Amino acid sequence: MKRYLQKIRKGERIKFWIGISLDEIQRIRESGTKYIENYYPLIDKRVTIDSIVNWFNESGLPKPGKSACLICPFHSNRYWQRFKKEYPDEFEKACKFDDTIRVHPSLVSDLYLHRSLKPLREVDFSFQPSLFPELIEECEGLCGL
């Protein structure tokens, strides 16, 4: 961090690399911070999701899952359920973060990662909303979490 602050003081901008593919070009945004420049190398190289999946297939590697922030409040129940089962250590990290955000002294109300307003460890992820869940569980991938 100190190294970055020194760069800022010298007037240099920080190049923040963001892995958005050409298929998601609508997600490009300016950083909103004067000393940070968002950089999209996959878009510059015209890399698509299909070309990434093809590279994994040709390399004999398993297809990667969809990327997402560990502590994103827009995760669906289906995502949390799979995440809890397949990545229990990472799920525990998300639970610890969820616990921590409720004890910060400057908060006026409790915060939760899950829309049920319950601690993540207590949520029943088997419930799947049936009415337009894609509108409820929307992530633009630029919140900075």
C-alpha atoms as a PDB file:
ATOM      1  CA  MET A   1       0.000   0.000   0.000  1.00  0.00           C
ATOM      2  CA  LYS A   2       2.782   2.399   0.866  1.00  0.00           C
ATOM      3  CA  ARG A   3       4.350   1.908  -2.556  1.00  0.00           C
ATOM      4  CA  TYR A   4       1.049   2.867  -4.224  1.00  0.00           C
ATOM      5  CA  LEU A   5       0.679   5.953  -2.073  1.00  0.00           C
ATOM      6  CA  GLN A   6       4.193   7.020  -3.038  1.00  0.00           C
ATOM      7  CA  LYS A   7       3.224   6.688  -6.704  1.00  0.00           C
ATOM      8  CA  ILE A   8       0.183   8.869  -6.079  1.00  0.00           C
ATOM      9  CA  ARG A   9       2.251  11.560  -4.424  1.00  0.00           C
ATOM     10  CA  LYS A  10       4.505  11.658  -7.480  1.00  0.00           C
ATOM     11  CA  GLY A  11       1.467  12.291  -9.638  1.00  0.00           C
ATOM     12  CA  GLU A  12       1.469   8.865 -11.287  1.00  0.00           C
ATOM     13  CA  ARG A  13      -1.810   7.041 -11.821  1.00  0.00           C
ATOM     14  CA  ILE A  14      -2.401   3.481 -10.683  1.00  0.00           C
ATOM     15  CA  LYS A  15      -3.505   1.095 -13.429  1.00  0.00           C
ATOM     16  CA  PHE A  16      -6.254  -1.128 -11.961  1.00  0.00           C
ATOM     17  CA  TRP A  17      -6.580  -4.306 -14.051  1.00  0.00           C
ATOM     18  CA  ILE A  18     -10.145  -5.615 -14.425  1.00  0.00           C
ATOM     19  CA  GLY A  19     -10.825  -8.993 -16.086  1.00  0.00           C
ATOM     20  CA  ILE A  20     -13.953  -8.200 -18.065  1.00  0.00           C
ATOM     21  CA  SER A  21     -14.180  -9.959 -21.431  1.00  0.00           C
ATOM     22  CA  LEU A  22     -15.288  -8.479 -24.746  1.00  0.00           C
ATOM     23  CA  ASP A  23     -18.747 -10.054 -24.237  1.00  0.00           C
ATOM     24  CA  GLU A  24     -19.235  -7.739 -21.251  1.00  0.00           C
ATOM     25  CA  ILE A  25     -17.961  -4.502 -22.778  1.00  0.00           C
ATOM     26  CA  GLN A  26     -21.043  -2.683 -21.428  1.00  0.00           C
ATOM     27  CA  ARG A  27     -19.519  -3.052 -17.927  1.00  0.00           C
ATOM     28  CA  ILE A  28     -16.585  -0.722 -18.684  1.00  0.00           C
ATOM     29  CA  ARG A  29     -16.525   2.246 -16.331  1.00  0.00           C
ATOM     30  CA  GLU A  30     -14.189   5.043 -15.377  1.00  0.00           C
ATOM     31  CA  SER A  31     -12.746   4.494 -11.930  1.00  0.00           C
ATOM     32  CA  GLY A  32     -14.204   7.608 -10.326  1.00  0.00           C
ATOM     33  CA  THR A  33     -10.917   8.114  -8.460  1.00  0.00           C
ATOM     34  CA  LYS A  34      -8.543  10.610 -10.011  1.00  0.00           C
ATOM     35  CA  TYR A  35      -5.363   8.617  -9.397  1.00  0.00           C
ATOM     36  CA  ILE A  36      -6.765   5.234 -10.554  1.00  0.00           C
ATOM     37  CA  GLU A  37      -7.109   4.271 -14.208  1.00  0.00           C
ATOM     38  CA  ASN A  38      -9.273   1.224 -14.910  1.00  0.00           C
ATOM     39  CA  TYR A  39      -7.608  -1.056 -17.454  1.00  0.00           C
ATOM     40  CA  TYR A  40      -9.395  -3.861 -19.313  1.00  0.00           C
ATOM     41  CA  PRO A  41      -6.714  -6.108 -20.872  1.00  0.00           C
ATOM     42  CA  LEU A  42      -9.157  -8.779 -22.090  1.00  0.00           C
ATOM     43  CA  ILE A  43     -11.164  -6.185 -23.984  1.00  0.00           C
ATOM     44  CA  ASP A  44      -7.982  -4.647 -25.427  1.00  0.00           C
ATOM     45  CA  LYS A  45      -6.989  -8.130 -26.680  1.00  0.00           C
ATOM     46  CA  ARG A  46     -10.560  -8.794 -27.874  1.00  0.00           C
ATOM     47  CA  VAL A  47     -10.841 -11.908 -25.679  1.00  0.00           C
ATOM     48  CA  THR A  48     -14.324 -13.445 -25.391  1.00  0.00           C
ATOM     49  CA  ILE A  49     -15.744 -15.933 -22.904  1.00  0.00           C
ATOM     50  CA  ASP A  50     -15.853 -18.568 -25.674  1.00  0.00           C
ATOM     51  CA  SER A  51     -12.157 -18.102 -26.442  1.00  0.00           C
ATOM     52  CA  ILE A  52     -11.331 -18.485 -22.740  1.00  0.00           C
ATOM     53  CA  VAL A  53     -13.405 -21.682 -22.450  1.00  0.00           C
ATOM     54  CA  ASN A  54     -11.821 -23.001 -25.681  1.00  0.00           C
ATOM     55  CA  TRP A  55      -8.338 -22.343 -24.294  1.00  0.00           C
ATOM     56  CA  PHE A  56      -9.184 -24.335 -21.148  1.00  0.00           C
ATOM     57  CA  ASN A  57     -10.627 -27.184 -23.259  1.00  0.00           C
ATOM     58  CA  GLU A  58      -7.603 -27.262 -25.579  1.00  0.00           C
ATOM     59  CA  SER A  59      -5.290 -27.233 -22.580  1.00  0.00           C
ATOM     60  CA  GLY A  60      -7.112 -30.187 -20.999  1.00  0.00           C
ATOM     61  CA  LEU A  61      -8.114 -28.121 -17.993  1.00  0.00           C
ATOM     62  CA  PRO A  62     -11.577 -28.099 -16.394  1.00  0.00           C
ATOM     63  CA  LYS A  63     -13.908 -25.322 -17.474  1.00  0.00           C
ATOM     64  CA  PRO A  64     -13.630 -22.438 -14.999  1.00  0.00           C
ATOM     65  CA  GLY A  65     -16.676 -21.416 -13.005  1.00  0.00           C
ATOM     66  CA  LYS A  66     -18.160 -17.971 -13.170  1.00  0.00           C
ATOM     67  CA  SER A  67     -16.059 -15.499 -11.236  1.00  0.00           C
ATOM     68  CA  ALA A  68     -17.593 -13.546  -8.407  1.00  0.00           C
ATOM     69  CA  CYS A  69     -16.568 -11.628  -5.334  1.00  0.00           C
ATOM     70  CA  LEU A  70     -16.470 -13.726  -2.178  1.00  0.00           C
ATOM     71  CA  ILE A  71     -18.553 -11.226  -0.211  1.00  0.00           C
ATOM     72  CA  CYS A  72     -20.996 -10.073  -2.878  1.00  0.00           C
ATOM     73  CA  PRO A  73     -24.472  -9.354  -1.437  1.00  0.00           C
ATOM     74  CA  PHE A  74     -26.036 -10.188  -4.821  1.00  0.00           C
ATOM     75  CA  HIS A  75     -25.245 -13.928  -4.733  1.00  0.00           C
ATOM     76  CA  SER A  76     -28.260 -16.150  -5.320  1.00  0.00           C
ATOM     77  CA  ASN A  77     -29.290 -18.866  -2.895  1.00  0.00           C
ATOM     78  CA  ARG A  78     -28.186 -21.407  -5.487  1.00  0.00           C
ATOM     79  CA  TYR A  79     -24.722 -19.804  -5.578  1.00  0.00           C
ATOM     80  CA  TRP A  80     -24.390 -19.713  -1.773  1.00  0.00           C
ATOM     81  CA  GLN A  81     -25.594 -23.319  -1.491  1.00  0.00           C
ATOM     82  CA  ARG A  82     -23.012 -24.569  -4.016  1.00  0.00           C
ATOM     83  CA  PHE A  83     -20.305 -22.337  -2.551  1.00  0.00           C
ATOM     84  CA  LYS A  84     -20.931 -23.652   0.980  1.00  0.00           C
ATOM     85  CA  LYS A  85     -20.740 -27.266  -0.213  1.00  0.00           C
ATOM     86  CA  GLU A  86     -17.803 -27.028  -2.640  1.00  0.00           C
ATOM     87  CA  TYR A  87     -15.669 -24.334  -0.950  1.00  0.00           C
ATOM     88  CA  PRO A  88     -16.280 -24.599   2.803  1.00  0.00           C
ATOM     89  CA  ASP A  89     -13.110 -22.657   3.758  1.00  0.00           C
ATOM     90  CA  GLU A  90     -14.048 -19.718   1.537  1.00  0.00           C
ATOM     91  CA  PHE A  91     -17.652 -19.893   2.735  1.00  0.00           C
ATOM     92  CA  GLU A  92     -16.349 -19.627   6.308  1.00  0.00           C
ATOM     93  CA  LYS A  93     -14.379 -16.499   5.321  1.00  0.00           C
ATOM     94  CA  ALA A  94     -17.577 -14.974   3.927  1.00  0.00           C
ATOM     95  CA  CYS A  95     -19.397 -15.898   7.173  1.00  0.00           C
ATOM     96  CA  LYS A  96     -16.684 -14.247   9.265  1.00  0.00           C
ATOM     97  CA  PHE A  97     -16.935 -11.101   7.149  1.00  0.00           C
ATOM     98  CA  ASP A  98     -20.721 -11.210   7.508  1.00  0.00           C
ATOM     99  CA  ASP A  99     -20.335 -11.449  11.301  1.00  0.00           C
ATOM    100  CA  THR A 100     -17.823  -8.600  11.357  1.00  0.00           C
ATOM    101  CA  ILE A 101     -19.931  -6.076   9.440  1.00  0.00           C
ATOM    102  CA  ARG A 102     -22.524  -6.086  12.219  1.00  0.00           C
ATOM    103  CA  VAL A 103     -20.147  -5.127  15.017  1.00  0.00           C
ATOM    104  CA  HIS A 104     -18.561  -2.044  13.483  1.00  0.00           C
ATOM    105  CA  PRO A 105     -19.066   0.850  15.956  1.00  0.00           C
ATOM    106  CA  SER A 106     -19.952   3.454  13.330  1.00  0.00           C
ATOM    107  CA  LEU A 107     -22.983   1.568  11.970  1.00  0.00           C
ATOM    108  CA  VAL A 108     -26.476   2.724  12.841  1.00  0.00           C
ATOM    109  CA  SER A 109     -28.144  -0.512  11.739  1.00  0.00           C
ATOM    110  CA  ASP A 110     -27.122  -4.108  11.174  1.00  0.00           C
ATOM    111  CA  LEU A 111     -25.714  -5.126   7.800  1.00  0.00           C
ATOM    112  CA  TYR A 112     -25.917  -8.584   6.255  1.00  0.00           C
ATOM    113  CA  LEU A 113     -24.538 -10.208   3.128  1.00  0.00           C
ATOM    114  CA  HIS A 114     -27.769 -12.092   2.479  1.00  0.00           C
ATOM    115  CA  ARG A 115     -31.037 -10.430   1.518  1.00  0.00           C
ATOM    116  CA  SER A 116     -32.884 -12.365   4.250  1.00  0.00           C
ATOM    117  CA  LEU A 117     -31.164 -10.071   6.792  1.00  0.00           C
ATOM    118  CA  LYS A 118     -29.933 -13.107   8.701  1.00  0.00           C
ATOM    119  CA  PRO A 119     -26.370 -14.145   9.499  1.00  0.00           C
ATOM    120  CA  LEU A 120     -25.005 -16.116   6.547  1.00  0.00           C
ATOM    121  CA  ARG A 121     -24.478 -19.224   8.700  1.00  0.00           C
ATOM    122  CA  GLU A 122     -28.207 -19.298   9.560  1.00  0.00           C
ATOM    123  CA  VAL A 123     -29.661 -18.888   6.063  1.00  0.00           C
ATOM    124  CA  ASP A 124     -31.601 -21.748   4.447  1.00  0.00           C
ATOM    125  CA  PHE A 125     -30.256 -21.630   0.901  1.00  0.00           C
ATOM    126  CA  SER A 126     -32.738 -24.207  -0.396  1.00  0.00           C
ATOM    127  CA  PHE A 127     -35.337 -21.463  -1.009  1.00  0.00           C
ATOM    128  CA  GLN A 128     -35.215 -20.338  -4.633  1.00  0.00           C
ATOM    129  CA  PRO A 129     -37.204 -17.210  -5.564  1.00  0.00           C
ATOM    130  CA  SER A 130     -39.423 -17.932  -8.528  1.00  0.00           C
ATOM    131  CA  LEU A 131     -40.440 -14.442  -9.615  1.00  0.00           C
ATOM    132  CA  PHE A 132     -37.668 -12.919 -11.776  1.00  0.00           C
ATOM    133  CA  PRO A 133     -34.668 -13.915  -9.611  1.00  0.00           C
ATOM    134  CA  GLU A 134     -32.341 -12.458 -12.222  1.00  0.00           C
ATOM    135  CA  LEU A 135     -33.666  -9.001 -11.384  1.00  0.00           C
ATOM    136  CA  ILE A 136     -33.108  -9.531  -7.656  1.00  0.00           C
ATOM    137  CA  GLU A 137     -29.659 -11.081  -7.950  1.00  0.00           C
ATOM    138  CA  GLU A 138     -27.927  -8.632 -10.258  1.00  0.00           C
ATOM    139  CA  CYS A 139     -24.219  -7.884 -10.114  1.00  0.00           C
ATOM    140  CA  GLU A 140     -22.435  -5.435 -12.359  1.00  0.00           C
ATOM    141  CA  GLY A 141     -19.052  -6.482 -11.002  1.00  0.00           C
ATOM    142  CA  LEU A 142     -17.842  -2.991 -10.238  1.00  0.00           C
ATOM    143  CA  CYS A 143     -18.665  -2.425  -6.596  1.00  0.00           C
ATOM    144  CA  GLY A 144     -15.052  -2.771  -5.519  1.00  0.00           C
ATOM    145  CA  LEU A 145     -15.643  -5.417  -2.851  1.00  0.00           C
END
